Amino acid sequence: MEETDIKYGACYSNGIYGSKWSVFQITREHADGSLTFKVVAGAGRRKSGTLPRDELARWAKYEVVLKENEWVKLMPDRYREPE
């Protein structure tokens, strides 16, 4: 992911299948550019940490959203109306 794609409040997956899969939610943006996150699903659930924005962007493979009981990859809206 690009560093600019990481947004406060959003959730991101590392895209790894199996026991190392994880979803982070961004809970705070710091003045120095680092981001605090909590692990909301998968490995390390209920833990939190802080990483530099570039490191978190390398870890995250895509944004995800919780739909009912399943984390799904957020797809860009291809059919948006022109502004």
Protein backbone atom coordinates (compact mmCIF):
# COMPACT_ATOMS: atom_id res chain seq x y z
CA MET A 1 0.00 0.00 0.00
CA GLU A 2 0.99 3.61 -0.38
CA GLU A 3 1.56 5.59 2.83
CA THR A 4 -1.13 8.07 1.76
CA ASP A 5 -3.70 5.23 1.56
CA ILE A 6 -3.55 4.62 5.34
CA LYS A 7 -6.46 6.44 7.06
CA TYR A 8 -7.45 7.00 10.67
CA GLY A 9 -10.19 4.59 11.77
CA ALA A 10 -9.76 2.25 8.79
CA CYS A 11 -8.83 -1.45 9.01
CA TYR A 12 -6.06 -3.19 7.08
CA SER A 13 -5.05 -6.80 6.54
CA ASN A 14 -1.60 -8.25 5.99
CA GLY A 15 -3.16 -10.62 3.44
CA ILE A 16 -1.44 -13.69 4.91
CA TYR A 17 -3.50 -16.88 5.02
CA GLY A 18 -3.52 -19.07 8.11
CA SER A 19 -2.38 -18.45 11.66
CA LYS A 20 -0.35 -15.29 10.85
CA TRP A 21 -3.32 -13.44 9.27
CA SER A 22 -4.18 -10.23 11.09
CA VAL A 23 -6.33 -7.09 10.84
CA PHE A 24 -5.17 -3.76 12.29
CA GLN A 25 -7.40 -0.74 12.92
CA ILE A 26 -5.72 2.68 12.98
CA THR A 27 -6.62 4.36 16.28
CA ARG A 28 -4.31 7.38 16.36
CA GLU A 29 -2.10 9.48 14.10
CA HIS A 30 0.91 11.13 15.73
CA ALA A 31 2.59 14.41 14.79
CA ASP A 32 5.79 12.54 13.88
CA GLY A 33 3.89 10.50 11.26
CA SER A 34 3.68 7.28 13.25
CA LEU A 35 0.38 5.43 13.67
CA THR A 36 -1.09 3.62 16.65
CA PHE A 37 -3.20 0.57 15.84
CA LYS A 38 -5.12 -2.17 17.62
CA VAL A 39 -5.32 -5.72 16.36
CA VAL A 40 -9.03 -6.38 15.85
CA ALA A 41 -8.82 -9.87 14.30
CA GLY A 42 -6.36 -12.70 13.84
CA ALA A 43 -2.88 -13.10 15.27
CA GLY A 44 -2.28 -10.79 18.24
CA ARG A 45 -5.96 -9.92 18.70
CA ARG A 46 -6.63 -7.27 21.37
CA LYS A 47 -3.02 -6.06 21.34
CA SER A 48 -1.93 -2.65 20.14
CA GLY A 49 1.22 -0.96 18.96
CA THR A 50 2.73 2.00 17.16
CA LEU A 51 4.64 1.90 13.86
CA PRO A 52 6.07 4.46 11.47
CA ARG A 53 3.62 5.13 8.63
CA ASP A 54 5.94 3.66 5.97
CA GLU A 55 6.39 0.41 7.91
CA LEU A 56 2.66 0.00 8.43
CA ALA A 57 2.08 0.68 4.71
CA ARG A 58 4.54 -2.12 3.84
CA TRP A 59 2.77 -4.51 6.25
CA ALA A 60 -0.75 -3.74 4.97
CA LYS A 61 -1.73 -5.45 1.74
CA TYR A 62 -5.23 -3.96 1.47
CA GLU A 63 -8.03 -2.22 3.37
CA VAL A 64 -10.77 -4.45 4.77
CA VAL A 65 -14.26 -3.96 6.20
CA LEU A 66 -16.31 -6.22 8.43
CA LYS A 67 -19.48 -7.43 6.69
CA GLU A 68 -21.63 -9.44 9.06
CA ASN A 69 -19.05 -11.94 10.42
CA GLU A 70 -16.48 -11.78 7.63
CA TRP A 71 -13.59 -9.43 6.84
CA VAL A 72 -13.70 -8.55 3.16
CA LYS A 73 -11.28 -6.66 0.95
CA LEU A 74 -12.49 -3.13 0.25
CA MET A 75 -12.68 -2.63 -3.48
CA PRO A 76 -12.39 0.87 -4.97
CA ASP A 77 -15.69 2.17 -6.21
CA ARG A 78 -15.31 1.83 -9.98
CA TYR A 79 -18.67 3.37 -10.75
CA ARG A 80 -18.49 6.68 -8.89
CA GLU A 81 -20.28 9.63 -10.40
CA PRO A 82 -17.95 12.31 -11.80
CA GLU A 83 -17.48 15.27 -9.47
